Amino acid sequence: MMEDTSIMGNSICKVCANRICRLIIPPDYYIDEMGELNEEDENDSEDQVIEHNYCTALLLPLDHIVLDCNKFYPIEEVTIIKNDAMFGS
């Protein structure tokens, strides 16, 4: 089994209801500031997509691996609570 080396792969934030995730493509001028790109890099648009994760509870960017957090709220619990509320239970 291969270990997930991405930040969210090993973080509890991956399944937290307080996490906002968005995929963004930076504008051309931002990519130009980062340095010269090879022709093959320009054709590979997946390399230009940046995943931006943010914690709404702590108002912090998630650019690190979180192992424990007192604001952790699993997505499954939120889903169950919302579904129960819809049925009046």
C-alpha atoms as a PDB file:
ATOM      1  CA  MET A   1       0.000   0.000   0.000  1.00  0.00           C
ATOM      2  CA  MET A   2       1.381   3.368  -1.010  1.00  0.00           C
ATOM      3  CA  GLU A   3       1.453   6.154   1.566  1.00  0.00           C
ATOM      4  CA  ASP A   4      -0.451   9.316   0.672  1.00  0.00           C
ATOM      5  CA  THR A   5       2.105  12.149   0.719  1.00  0.00           C
ATOM      6  CA  SER A   6      -0.367  14.993   0.209  1.00  0.00           C
ATOM      7  CA  ILE A   7      -1.153  17.270   3.128  1.00  0.00           C
ATOM      8  CA  MET A   8      -4.839  16.341   3.266  1.00  0.00           C
ATOM      9  CA  GLY A   9      -4.129  12.623   2.801  1.00  0.00           C
ATOM     10  CA  ASN A  10      -2.674  12.280   6.303  1.00  0.00           C
ATOM     11  CA  SER A  11      -4.630  15.018   8.085  1.00  0.00           C
ATOM     12  CA  ILE A  12      -7.857  14.670  10.080  1.00  0.00           C
ATOM     13  CA  CYS A  13      -9.020  17.822   8.313  1.00  0.00           C
ATOM     14  CA  LYS A  14      -9.735  15.727   5.219  1.00  0.00           C
ATOM     15  CA  VAL A  15     -13.021  14.538   6.775  1.00  0.00           C
ATOM     16  CA  CYS A  16     -13.836  17.607   8.887  1.00  0.00           C
ATOM     17  CA  ALA A  17     -16.974  19.663   8.308  1.00  0.00           C
ATOM     18  CA  ASN A  18     -15.040  22.882   9.056  1.00  0.00           C
ATOM     19  CA  ARG A  19     -12.808  22.482   5.984  1.00  0.00           C
ATOM     20  CA  ILE A  20     -13.389  24.441   2.811  1.00  0.00           C
ATOM     21  CA  CYS A  21     -11.609  23.125  -0.266  1.00  0.00           C
ATOM     22  CA  ARG A  22     -11.385  24.765  -3.640  1.00  0.00           C
ATOM     23  CA  LEU A  23      -9.370  24.035  -6.741  1.00  0.00           C
ATOM     24  CA  ILE A  24      -8.003  27.128  -8.422  1.00  0.00           C
ATOM     25  CA  ILE A  25      -6.035  27.845 -11.560  1.00  0.00           C
ATOM     26  CA  PRO A  26      -3.773  30.844 -11.019  1.00  0.00           C
ATOM     27  CA  PRO A  27      -3.804  33.585 -13.656  1.00  0.00           C
ATOM     28  CA  ASP A  28      -1.043  33.640 -16.275  1.00  0.00           C
ATOM     29  CA  TYR A  29       0.815  36.532 -14.643  1.00  0.00           C
ATOM     30  CA  TYR A  30       1.122  34.515 -11.403  1.00  0.00           C
ATOM     31  CA  ILE A  31       2.612  31.554 -13.251  1.00  0.00           C
ATOM     32  CA  ASP A  32       5.022  33.887 -15.074  1.00  0.00           C
ATOM     33  CA  GLU A  33       6.251  35.275 -11.735  1.00  0.00           C
ATOM     34  CA  MET A  34       7.022  31.763 -10.513  1.00  0.00           C
ATOM     35  CA  GLY A  35       9.580  31.298 -13.284  1.00  0.00           C
ATOM     36  CA  GLU A  36      10.033  30.050 -16.793  1.00  0.00           C
ATOM     37  CA  LEU A  37       7.890  27.099 -17.803  1.00  0.00           C
ATOM     38  CA  ASN A  38       8.863  24.411 -20.288  1.00  0.00           C
ATOM     39  CA  GLU A  39       6.614  23.778 -23.284  1.00  0.00           C
ATOM     40  CA  GLU A  40       5.529  20.447 -21.829  1.00  0.00           C
ATOM     41  CA  ASP A  41       4.573  22.191 -18.550  1.00  0.00           C
ATOM     42  CA  GLU A  42       2.340  24.642 -20.393  1.00  0.00           C
ATOM     43  CA  ASN A  43       0.401  21.788 -21.978  1.00  0.00           C
ATOM     44  CA  ASP A  44      -0.169  19.976 -18.690  1.00  0.00           C
ATOM     45  CA  SER A  45      -2.985  21.989 -17.078  1.00  0.00           C
ATOM     46  CA  GLU A  46      -3.226  19.646 -14.050  1.00  0.00           C
ATOM     47  CA  ASP A  47       0.113  20.955 -12.769  1.00  0.00           C
ATOM     48  CA  GLN A  48      -1.288  24.484 -12.745  1.00  0.00           C
ATOM     49  CA  VAL A  49      -4.295  23.601 -10.583  1.00  0.00           C
ATOM     50  CA  ILE A  50      -3.766  24.456  -6.919  1.00  0.00           C
ATOM     51  CA  GLU A  51      -5.817  22.899  -4.116  1.00  0.00           C
ATOM     52  CA  HIS A  52      -6.620  25.505  -1.472  1.00  0.00           C
ATOM     53  CA  ASN A  53      -7.822  24.189   1.903  1.00  0.00           C
ATOM     54  CA  TYR A  54      -9.039  26.470   4.687  1.00  0.00           C
ATOM     55  CA  CYS A  55     -10.423  25.912   8.194  1.00  0.00           C
ATOM     56  CA  THR A  56     -13.568  27.959   8.846  1.00  0.00           C
ATOM     57  CA  ALA A  57     -13.485  27.305  12.601  1.00  0.00           C
ATOM     58  CA  LEU A  58      -9.940  28.572  13.136  1.00  0.00           C
ATOM     59  CA  LEU A  59      -9.758  30.938  10.151  1.00  0.00           C
ATOM     60  CA  LEU A  60      -6.459  29.374   9.075  1.00  0.00           C
ATOM     61  CA  PRO A  61      -5.127  27.971   5.815  1.00  0.00           C
ATOM     62  CA  LEU A  62      -4.538  24.222   6.028  1.00  0.00           C
ATOM     63  CA  ASP A  63      -0.991  24.015   4.767  1.00  0.00           C
ATOM     64  CA  HIS A  64       0.134  21.433   7.304  1.00  0.00           C
ATOM     65  CA  ILE A  65      -0.843  17.967   8.580  1.00  0.00           C
ATOM     66  CA  VAL A  66      -3.232  18.091  11.540  1.00  0.00           C
ATOM     67  CA  LEU A  67      -3.219  15.059  13.833  1.00  0.00           C
ATOM     68  CA  ASP A  68      -5.567  16.324  16.572  1.00  0.00           C
ATOM     69  CA  CYS A  69      -7.869  19.344  16.831  1.00  0.00           C
ATOM     70  CA  ASN A  70     -10.506  20.409  19.354  1.00  0.00           C
ATOM     71  CA  LYS A  71     -12.572  21.927  16.504  1.00  0.00           C
ATOM     72  CA  PHE A  72     -12.720  18.628  14.570  1.00  0.00           C
ATOM     73  CA  TYR A  73     -16.281  17.820  13.520  1.00  0.00           C
ATOM     74  CA  PRO A  74     -16.639  14.774  11.250  1.00  0.00           C
ATOM     75  CA  ILE A  75     -18.628  15.216   8.051  1.00  0.00           C
ATOM     76  CA  GLU A  76     -20.591  12.024   8.806  1.00  0.00           C
ATOM     77  CA  GLU A  77     -22.036  13.553  12.003  1.00  0.00           C
ATOM     78  CA  VAL A  78     -23.141  16.683  10.144  1.00  0.00           C
ATOM     79  CA  THR A  79     -24.843  14.557   7.479  1.00  0.00           C
ATOM     80  CA  ILE A  80     -26.718  12.468  10.060  1.00  0.00           C
ATOM     81  CA  ILE A  81     -27.875  15.548  12.013  1.00  0.00           C
ATOM     82  CA  LYS A  82     -29.129  17.275   8.849  1.00  0.00           C
ATOM     83  CA  ASN A  83     -30.979  14.175   7.680  1.00  0.00           C
ATOM     84  CA  ASP A  84     -32.631  13.696  11.086  1.00  0.00           C
ATOM     85  CA  ALA A  85     -33.704  17.340  11.134  1.00  0.00           C
ATOM     86  CA  MET A  86     -35.289  16.982   7.688  1.00  0.00           C
ATOM     87  CA  PHE A  87     -37.517  14.139   8.870  1.00  0.00           C
ATOM     88  CA  GLY A  88     -38.516  15.846  12.127  1.00  0.00           C
ATOM     89  CA  SER A  89     -36.911  13.274  14.406  1.00  0.00           C
END
